[in-house]
Amino acid sequence: MSCGKPHETPCTEVLEQVYWYLDGEVSADDCDHIRQHLDECGPCLREFAWSRYPGMDARVLSGR
């Protein structure tokens, strides 16, 4: 998954850490990198939102 733009933290790394991020189990530095990435990358933000709110309709997450 990628929006096609280069990021300091790769999409795969962010998505691997998203559950630890939600649980507050990442370092402050990793937390900052994940937040920055989610601010810049729509596909990862949608995946993050879906993992946080699994009952949310996919059309809402995709912006349709």
PDB file of N, CA and C in Angstrom:
ATOM      1  N   MET A   1       0.852  -1.164   0.000  1.00  0.00           N
ATOM      2  CA  MET A   1       0.000   0.000   0.000  1.00  0.00           C
ATOM      3  C   MET A   1       0.893   1.219   0.000  1.00  0.00           C
ATOM      4  N   SER A   2       0.547   2.172  -0.827  1.00  0.00           N
ATOM      5  CA  SER A   2       1.305   3.407  -0.890  1.00  0.00           C
ATOM      6  C   SER A   2       0.506   4.432  -1.671  1.00  0.00           C
ATOM      7  N   CYS A   3       0.754   5.685  -1.347  1.00  0.00           N
ATOM      8  CA  CYS A   3       0.126   6.764  -2.108  1.00  0.00           C
ATOM      9  C   CYS A   3       1.028   7.177  -3.259  1.00  0.00           C
ATOM     10  N   GLY A   4       2.202   6.546  -3.372  1.00  0.00           N
ATOM     11  CA  GLY A   4       3.129   6.844  -4.450  1.00  0.00           C
ATOM     12  C   GLY A   4       4.135   7.927  -4.116  1.00  0.00           C
ATOM     13  N   LYS A   5       4.003   8.550  -2.956  1.00  0.00           N
ATOM     14  CA  LYS A   5       4.931   9.595  -2.543  1.00  0.00           C
ATOM     15  C   LYS A   5       5.959   9.000  -1.576  1.00  0.00           C
ATOM     16  N   PRO A   6       7.200   9.461  -1.636  1.00  0.00           N
ATOM     17  CA  PRO A   6       8.199   8.964  -0.680  1.00  0.00           C
ATOM     18  C   PRO A   6       7.913   9.507   0.724  1.00  0.00           C
ATOM     19  N   HIS A   7       8.121   8.679   1.707  1.00  0.00           N
ATOM     20  CA  HIS A   7       7.907   9.057   3.106  1.00  0.00           C
ATOM     21  C   HIS A   7       9.141   8.689   3.915  1.00  0.00           C
ATOM     22  N   GLU A   8       9.354   9.417   4.996  1.00  0.00           N
ATOM     23  CA  GLU A   8      10.467   9.103   5.894  1.00  0.00           C
ATOM     24  C   GLU A   8      10.297   7.698   6.470  1.00  0.00           C
ATOM     25  N   THR A   9       9.064   7.339   6.825  1.00  0.00           N
ATOM     26  CA  THR A   9       8.757   6.007   7.328  1.00  0.00           C
ATOM     27  C   THR A   9       7.920   5.294   6.270  1.00  0.00           C
ATOM     28  N   PRO A  10       8.387   4.155   5.745  1.00  0.00           N
ATOM     29  CA  PRO A  10       7.655   3.459   4.684  1.00  0.00           C
ATOM     30  C   PRO A  10       6.265   2.990   5.134  1.00  0.00           C
ATOM     31  N   CYS A  11       5.338   2.914   4.185  1.00  0.00           N
ATOM     32  CA  CYS A  11       3.972   2.460   4.464  1.00  0.00           C
ATOM     33  C   CYS A  11       3.962   1.105   5.178  1.00  0.00           C
ATOM     34  N   THR A  12       4.766   0.177   4.708  1.00  0.00           N
ATOM     35  CA  THR A  12       4.760  -1.159   5.310  1.00  0.00           C
ATOM     36  C   THR A  12       5.137  -1.107   6.775  1.00  0.00           C
ATOM     37  N   GLU A  13       6.103  -0.259   7.113  1.00  0.00           N
ATOM     38  CA  GLU A  13       6.530  -0.137   8.510  1.00  0.00           C
ATOM     39  C   GLU A  13       5.429   0.482   9.370  1.00  0.00           C
ATOM     40  N   VAL A  14       4.764   1.494   8.841  1.00  0.00           N
ATOM     41  CA  VAL A  14       3.679   2.144   9.585  1.00  0.00           C
ATOM     42  C   VAL A  14       2.556   1.139   9.849  1.00  0.00           C
ATOM     43  N   LEU A  15       2.155   0.403   8.813  1.00  0.00           N
ATOM     44  CA  LEU A  15       1.044  -0.535   8.986  1.00  0.00           C
ATOM     45  C   LEU A  15       1.412  -1.704   9.888  1.00  0.00           C
ATOM     46  N   GLU A  16       2.691  -2.082   9.938  1.00  0.00           N
ATOM     47  CA  GLU A  16       3.125  -3.132  10.859  1.00  0.00           C
ATOM     48  C   GLU A  16       3.040  -2.655  12.310  1.00  0.00           C
ATOM     49  N   GLN A  17       3.194  -1.354  12.528  1.00  0.00           N
ATOM     50  CA  GLN A  17       3.230  -0.811  13.894  1.00  0.00           C
ATOM     51  C   GLN A  17       1.913  -0.199  14.347  1.00  0.00           C
ATOM     52  N   VAL A  18       0.899  -0.164  13.486  1.00  0.00           N
ATOM     53  CA  VAL A  18      -0.304   0.600  13.799  1.00  0.00           C
ATOM     54  C   VAL A  18      -1.018   0.085  15.060  1.00  0.00           C
ATOM     55  N   TYR A  19      -1.054  -1.206  15.290  1.00  0.00           N
ATOM     56  CA  TYR A  19      -1.736  -1.719  16.494  1.00  0.00           C
ATOM     57  C   TYR A  19      -0.957  -1.368  17.747  1.00  0.00           C
ATOM     58  N   TRP A  20       0.375  -1.411  17.667  1.00  0.00           N
ATOM     59  CA  TRP A  20       1.187  -0.994  18.821  1.00  0.00           C
ATOM     60  C   TRP A  20       1.013   0.500  19.061  1.00  0.00           C
ATOM     61  N   TYR A  21       0.895   1.255  17.986  1.00  0.00           N
ATOM     62  CA  TYR A  21       0.643   2.695  18.081  1.00  0.00           C
ATOM     63  C   TYR A  21      -0.689   2.950  18.791  1.00  0.00           C
ATOM     64  N   LEU A  22      -1.722   2.231  18.391  1.00  0.00           N
ATOM     65  CA  LEU A  22      -3.039   2.393  19.018  1.00  0.00           C
ATOM     66  C   LEU A  22      -3.011   2.058  20.499  1.00  0.00           C
ATOM     67  N   ASP A  23      -2.177   1.079  20.860  1.00  0.00           N
ATOM     68  CA  ASP A  23      -2.067   0.667  22.261  1.00  0.00           C
ATOM     69  C   ASP A  23      -1.079   1.513  23.056  1.00  0.00           C
ATOM     70  N   GLY A  24      -0.440   2.483  22.403  1.00  0.00           N
ATOM     71  CA  GLY A  24       0.533   3.334  23.085  1.00  0.00           C
ATOM     72  C   GLY A  24       1.831   2.614  23.407  1.00  0.00           C
ATOM     73  N   GLU A  25       2.170   1.609  22.599  1.00  0.00           N
ATOM     74  CA  GLU A  25       3.338   0.784  22.871  1.00  0.00           C
ATOM     75  C   GLU A  25       4.515   1.056  21.934  1.00  0.00           C
ATOM     76  N   VAL A  26       4.555   2.253  21.330  1.00  0.00           N
ATOM     77  CA  VAL A  26       5.703   2.627  20.499  1.00  0.00           C
ATOM     78  C   VAL A  26       6.414   3.798  21.171  1.00  0.00           C
ATOM     79  N   SER A  27       7.670   3.959  20.845  1.00  0.00           N
ATOM     80  CA  SER A  27       8.444   5.059  21.417  1.00  0.00           C
ATOM     81  C   SER A  27       7.871   6.394  20.951  1.00  0.00           C
ATOM     82  N   ALA A  28       8.226   7.459  21.655  1.00  0.00           N
ATOM     83  CA  ALA A  28       7.761   8.794  21.283  1.00  0.00           C
ATOM     84  C   ALA A  28       8.242   9.149  19.878  1.00  0.00           C
ATOM     85  N   ASP A  29       9.463   8.757  19.535  1.00  0.00           N
ATOM     86  CA  ASP A  29      10.014   9.024  18.216  1.00  0.00           C
ATOM     87  C   ASP A  29       9.218   8.282  17.136  1.00  0.00           C
ATOM     88  N   ASP A  30       8.941   6.991  17.372  1.00  0.00           N
ATOM     89  CA  ASP A  30       8.140   6.212  16.419  1.00  0.00           C
ATOM     90  C   ASP A  30       6.727   6.783  16.299  1.00  0.00           C
ATOM     91  N   CYS A  31       6.176   7.216  17.411  1.00  0.00           N
ATOM     92  CA  CYS A  31       4.833   7.802  17.415  1.00  0.00           C
ATOM     93  C   CYS A  31       4.803   9.040  16.517  1.00  0.00           C
ATOM     94  N   ASP A  32       5.821   9.887  16.623  1.00  0.00           N
ATOM     95  CA  ASP A  32       5.891  11.084  15.783  1.00  0.00           C
ATOM     96  C   ASP A  32       5.991  10.724  14.306  1.00  0.00           C
ATOM     97  N   HIS A  33       6.821   9.716  13.978  1.00  0.00           N
ATOM     98  CA  HIS A  33       6.978   9.296  12.593  1.00  0.00           C
ATOM     99  C   HIS A  33       5.672   8.719  12.032  1.00  0.00           C
ATOM    100  N   ILE A  34       4.985   7.940  12.841  1.00  0.00           N
ATOM    101  CA  ILE A  34       3.718   7.344  12.398  1.00  0.00           C
ATOM    102  C   ILE A  34       2.675   8.439  12.167  1.00  0.00           C
ATOM    103  N   ARG A  35       2.567   9.374  13.104  1.00  0.00           N
ATOM    104  CA  ARG A  35       1.609  10.479  12.942  1.00  0.00           C
ATOM    105  C   ARG A  35       1.902  11.285  11.684  1.00  0.00           C
ATOM    106  N   GLN A  36       3.172  11.604  11.473  1.00  0.00           N
ATOM    107  CA  GLN A  36       3.552  12.372  10.291  1.00  0.00           C
ATOM    108  C   GLN A  36       3.175  11.603   9.025  1.00  0.00           C
ATOM    109  N   HIS A  37       3.456  10.316   9.021  1.00  0.00           N
ATOM    110  CA  HIS A  37       3.132   9.496   7.852  1.00  0.00           C
ATOM    111  C   HIS A  37       1.628   9.476   7.601  1.00  0.00           C
ATOM    112  N   LEU A  38       0.845   9.279   8.646  1.00  0.00           N
ATOM    113  CA  LEU A  38      -0.613   9.232   8.488  1.00  0.00           C
ATOM    114  C   LEU A  38      -1.160  10.570   8.006  1.00  0.00           C
ATOM    115  N   ASP A  39      -0.523  11.672   8.403  1.00  0.00           N
ATOM    116  CA  ASP A  39      -0.940  12.996   7.924  1.00  0.00           C
ATOM    117  C   ASP A  39      -0.688  13.161   6.431  1.00  0.00           C
ATOM    118  N   GLU A  40       0.330  12.459   5.913  1.00  0.00           N
ATOM    119  CA  GLU A  40       0.741  12.625   4.514  1.00  0.00           C
ATOM    120  C   GLU A  40       0.181  11.564   3.567  1.00  0.00           C
ATOM    121  N   CYS A  41      -0.261  10.428   4.087  1.00  0.00           N
ATOM    122  CA  CYS A  41      -0.567   9.276   3.237  1.00  0.00           C
ATOM    123  C   CYS A  41      -2.019   8.823   3.423  1.00  0.00           C
ATOM    124  N   GLY A  42      -2.862   9.181   2.454  1.00  0.00           N
ATOM    125  CA  GLY A  42      -4.281   8.837   2.513  1.00  0.00           C
ATOM    126  C   GLY A  42      -4.564   7.345   2.625  1.00  0.00           C
ATOM    127  N   PRO A  43      -3.906   6.483   1.814  1.00  0.00           N
ATOM    128  CA  PRO A  43      -4.185   5.049   1.916  1.00  0.00           C
ATOM    129  C   PRO A  43      -3.874   4.475   3.310  1.00  0.00           C
ATOM    130  N   CYS A  44      -2.775   4.907   3.899  1.00  0.00           N
ATOM    131  CA  CYS A  44      -2.444   4.413   5.242  1.00  0.00           C
ATOM    132  C   CYS A  44      -3.411   4.970   6.279  1.00  0.00           C
ATOM    133  N   LEU A  45      -3.816   6.220   6.106  1.00  0.00           N
ATOM    134  CA  LEU A  45      -4.778   6.808   7.024  1.00  0.00           C
ATOM    135  C   LEU A  45      -6.097   6.048   6.981  1.00  0.00           C
ATOM    136  N   ARG A  46      -6.553   5.669   5.780  1.00  0.00           N
ATOM    137  CA  ARG A  46      -7.792   4.880   5.672  1.00  0.00           C
ATOM    138  C   ARG A  46      -7.626   3.522   6.340  1.00  0.00           C
ATOM    139  N   GLU A  47      -6.476   2.871   6.141  1.00  0.00           N
ATOM    140  CA  GLU A  47      -6.220   1.577   6.776  1.00  0.00           C
ATOM    141  C   GLU A  47      -6.190   1.728   8.289  1.00  0.00           C
ATOM    142  N   PHE A  48      -5.567   2.800   8.771  1.00  0.00           N
ATOM    143  CA  PHE A  48      -5.515   3.085  10.200  1.00  0.00           C
ATOM    144  C   PHE A  48      -6.924   3.295  10.746  1.00  0.00           C
ATOM    145  N   ALA A  49      -7.728   4.085  10.044  1.00  0.00           N
ATOM    146  CA  ALA A  49      -9.094   4.346  10.493  1.00  0.00           C
ATOM    147  C   ALA A  49      -9.909   3.065  10.512  1.00  0.00           C
ATOM    148  N   TRP A  50      -9.734   2.211   9.504  1.00  0.00           N
ATOM    149  CA  TRP A  50     -10.470   0.948   9.470  1.00  0.00           C
ATOM    150  C   TRP A  50     -10.050   0.061  10.640  1.00  0.00           C
ATOM    151  N   SER A  51      -8.763   0.027  10.968  1.00  0.00           N
ATOM    152  CA  SER A  51      -8.308  -0.819  12.075  1.00  0.00           C
ATOM    153  C   SER A  51      -8.815  -0.282  13.407  1.00  0.00           C
ATOM    154  N   ARG A  52      -9.011   1.018  13.473  1.00  0.00           N
ATOM    155  CA  ARG A  52      -9.496   1.619  14.716  1.00  0.00           C
ATOM    156  C   ARG A  52     -11.013   1.519  14.831  1.00  0.00           C
ATOM    157  N   TYR A  53     -11.697   1.596  13.703  1.00  0.00           N
ATOM    158  CA  TYR A  53     -13.163   1.555  13.656  1.00  0.00           C
ATOM    159  C   TYR A  53     -13.611   0.502  12.655  1.00  0.00           C
ATOM    160  N   PRO A  54     -13.437  -0.782  12.969  1.00  0.00           N
ATOM    161  CA  PRO A  54     -13.688  -1.838  11.980  1.00  0.00           C
ATOM    162  C   PRO A  54     -15.120  -1.907  11.476  1.00  0.00           C
ATOM    163  N   GLY A  55     -16.071  -1.374  12.182  1.00  0.00           N
ATOM    164  CA  GLY A  55     -17.453  -1.417  11.727  1.00  0.00           C
ATOM    165  C   GLY A  55     -17.802  -0.306  10.755  1.00  0.00           C
ATOM    166  N   MET A  56     -16.860   0.617  10.524  1.00  0.00           N
ATOM    167  CA  MET A  56     -17.140   1.753   9.655  1.00  0.00           C
ATOM    168  C   MET A  56     -17.292   1.291   8.209  1.00  0.00           C
ATOM    169  N   ASP A  57     -18.236   1.853   7.528  1.00  0.00           N
ATOM    170  CA  ASP A  57     -18.506   1.527   6.134  1.00  0.00           C
ATOM    171  C   ASP A  57     -17.299   1.890   5.271  1.00  0.00           C
ATOM    172  N   ALA A  58     -16.906   0.991   4.394  1.00  0.00           N
ATOM    173  CA  ALA A  58     -15.733   1.194   3.537  1.00  0.00           C
ATOM    174  C   ALA A  58     -15.896   2.416   2.655  1.00  0.00           C
ATOM    175  N   ARG A  59     -17.119   2.772   2.277  1.00  0.00           N
ATOM    176  CA  ARG A  59     -17.319   3.942   1.436  1.00  0.00           C
ATOM    177  C   ARG A  59     -16.943   5.222   2.186  1.00  0.00           C
ATOM    178  N   VAL A  60     -17.172   5.264   3.495  1.00  0.00           N
ATOM    179  CA  VAL A  60     -16.790   6.433   4.293  1.00  0.00           C
ATOM    180  C   VAL A  60     -15.270   6.551   4.319  1.00  0.00           C
ATOM    181  N   LEU A  61     -14.594   5.422   4.513  1.00  0.00           N
ATOM    182  CA  LEU A  61     -13.132   5.440   4.588  1.00  0.00           C
ATOM    183  C   LEU A  61     -12.483   5.788   3.263  1.00  0.00           C
ATOM    184  N   SER A  62     -13.134   5.442   2.167  1.00  0.00           N
ATOM    185  CA  SER A  62     -12.544   5.710   0.860  1.00  0.00           C
ATOM    186  C   SER A  62     -12.896   7.116   0.362  1.00  0.00           C
ATOM    187  N   GLY A  63     -13.736   7.833   1.095  1.00  0.00           N
ATOM    188  CA  GLY A  63     -14.117   9.180   0.704  1.00  0.00           C
ATOM    189  C   GLY A  63     -15.208   9.231  -0.341  1.00  0.00           C
ATOM    190  N   ARG A  64     -15.880   8.126  -0.554  1.00  0.00           N
ATOM    191  CA  ARG A  64     -16.969   8.093  -1.571  1.00  0.00           C
ATOM    192  C   ARG A  64     -18.309   8.286  -0.938  1.00  0.00           C
TER     193      ARG A  64
END
